[in-house]
Protein backbone atom coordinates (compact mmCIF):
# COMPACT_ATOMS: atom_id res chain seq x y z
CA UNK A 1 117.80 105.00 91.21
CA UNK A 2 115.29 102.55 90.17
CA UNK A 3 112.88 102.80 86.87
CA UNK A 4 109.85 100.95 87.02
CA UNK A 5 107.26 99.91 84.18
CA UNK A 6 103.23 99.57 85.30
CA UNK A 7 100.66 98.43 83.25
CA UNK A 8 97.43 100.29 84.50
CA UNK A 9 94.96 97.75 82.42
CA UNK A 10 91.44 99.57 84.12
CA UNK A 11 92.63 102.92 82.34
CA UNK A 12 94.75 100.83 79.46
CA UNK A 13 97.70 103.24 80.89
CA UNK A 14 101.41 102.44 80.37
CA UNK A 15 103.09 104.17 83.59
CA UNK A 16 106.97 104.78 83.75
CA UNK A 17 108.65 105.82 86.97
CA UNK A 18 111.87 107.07 88.13
CA UNK A 19 112.13 106.32 91.97
CA UNK A 20 114.30 107.65 93.78
CA UNK A 21 116.37 106.00 97.12
CA UNK A 22 113.55 107.17 99.35
CA UNK A 23 111.00 105.64 97.45
CA UNK A 24 109.34 108.91 95.95
CA UNK A 25 108.59 109.10 92.38
CA UNK A 26 111.12 111.95 90.51
CA UNK A 27 109.87 111.72 86.75
CA UNK A 28 106.81 110.00 85.96
CA UNK A 29 105.51 109.06 82.33
CA UNK A 30 101.59 108.04 81.02
CA UNK A 31 101.09 106.42 77.83
CA UNK A 32 97.64 106.09 77.17
CA UNK A 33 95.67 103.66 74.50
CA UNK A 34 96.52 101.51 71.83
CA UNK A 35 98.60 104.17 70.14
CA UNK A 36 100.65 105.07 73.22
CA UNK A 37 100.10 108.40 73.43
CA UNK A 38 101.76 110.56 76.29
CA UNK A 39 99.34 112.35 78.65
CA UNK A 40 102.23 112.70 81.75
CA UNK A 41 105.72 113.81 81.32
CA UNK A 42 106.26 115.23 84.90
CA UNK A 43 109.50 116.02 87.03
CA UNK A 44 109.47 116.28 90.88
CA UNK A 45 112.47 118.59 90.07
CA UNK A 46 110.76 121.31 88.20
CA UNK A 47 107.32 121.39 89.72
CA UNK A 48 106.31 125.12 90.73
CA UNK A 49 105.34 125.66 94.35
CA UNK A 50 102.19 127.30 94.83
CA UNK A 51 103.51 129.58 97.26
CA UNK A 52 106.07 130.73 95.63
CA UNK A 53 105.19 130.68 91.89
CA UNK A 54 101.41 130.93 92.46
CA UNK A 55 98.45 128.72 91.74
CA UNK A 56 97.89 129.18 88.48
CA UNK A 57 101.37 128.49 87.57
CA UNK A 58 100.93 124.66 89.19
CA UNK A 59 98.20 124.56 87.13
CA UNK A 60 99.31 125.41 83.97
CA UNK A 61 102.23 122.39 84.18
CA UNK A 62 100.15 120.04 84.99
CA UNK A 63 97.79 120.94 82.56
CA UNK A 64 100.84 120.74 80.19
CA UNK A 65 103.36 117.75 81.67
CA UNK A 66 100.25 116.07 84.36
CA UNK A 67 100.38 115.04 87.83
CA UNK A 68 102.70 112.79 89.62
CA UNK A 69 102.63 110.40 91.96
CA UNK A 70 101.87 111.94 95.54
CA UNK A 71 102.98 108.58 97.67
CA UNK A 72 106.53 107.02 98.07
CA UNK A 73 106.47 103.47 96.80
CA UNK A 74 106.06 102.27 100.21
CA UNK A 75 102.79 103.63 100.09
CA UNK A 76 101.65 102.10 97.09
CA UNK A 77 98.79 99.41 96.94
CA UNK A 78 99.96 95.93 97.55
CA UNK A 79 98.61 94.31 94.64
CA UNK A 80 100.63 97.22 92.44
CA UNK A 81 102.64 94.94 89.95
CA UNK A 82 105.71 96.56 88.02
CA UNK A 83 108.57 95.51 86.25
CA UNK A 84 112.15 97.05 86.61
CA UNK A 85 113.51 98.37 83.36
CA UNK A 86 116.84 100.16 82.72
CA UNK A 87 117.17 103.40 82.73
CA UNK A 88 118.16 104.18 79.24
CA UNK A 89 114.48 102.87 78.39
CA UNK A 90 113.07 105.26 80.90
CA UNK A 91 115.46 108.00 79.07
CA UNK A 92 114.08 107.04 75.71
CA UNK A 93 110.50 107.00 76.34
CA UNK A 94 110.86 110.24 78.50
CA UNK A 95 112.49 112.05 75.72
CA UNK A 96 109.29 111.29 73.04
CA UNK A 97 106.58 111.82 75.74
CA UNK A 98 108.67 115.62 76.66
CA UNK A 99 108.89 116.14 72.79
CA UNK A 100 105.37 115.04 72.55
CA UNK A 101 103.84 117.61 75.24
CA UNK A 102 105.57 120.40 73.59
CA UNK A 103 109.01 120.43 76.19
CA UNK A 104 111.88 119.87 73.70
CA UNK A 105 115.52 119.00 75.76
């Protein structure tokens, strides 16, 4: 696993990613604006399946926790600048974002 941080200046969003060995996002956090308000704290392992759970369940999850990146890192823009961070930093941000979005773990 790798943990990354990226600042998207056009949208004033700080993004954090947990990436698996194949380059897929496992968990993603986004903090928006000056107050760094959590807007995304989504996990691939808990994503509902539209065929199994129904579209309404998927939409409810995405409304609460946001949407994960849909492509592996290998397909991301070559200009995507990111910095490696430690797992402990990612976990602290993840915990704060989930608490803010209403899911206490």
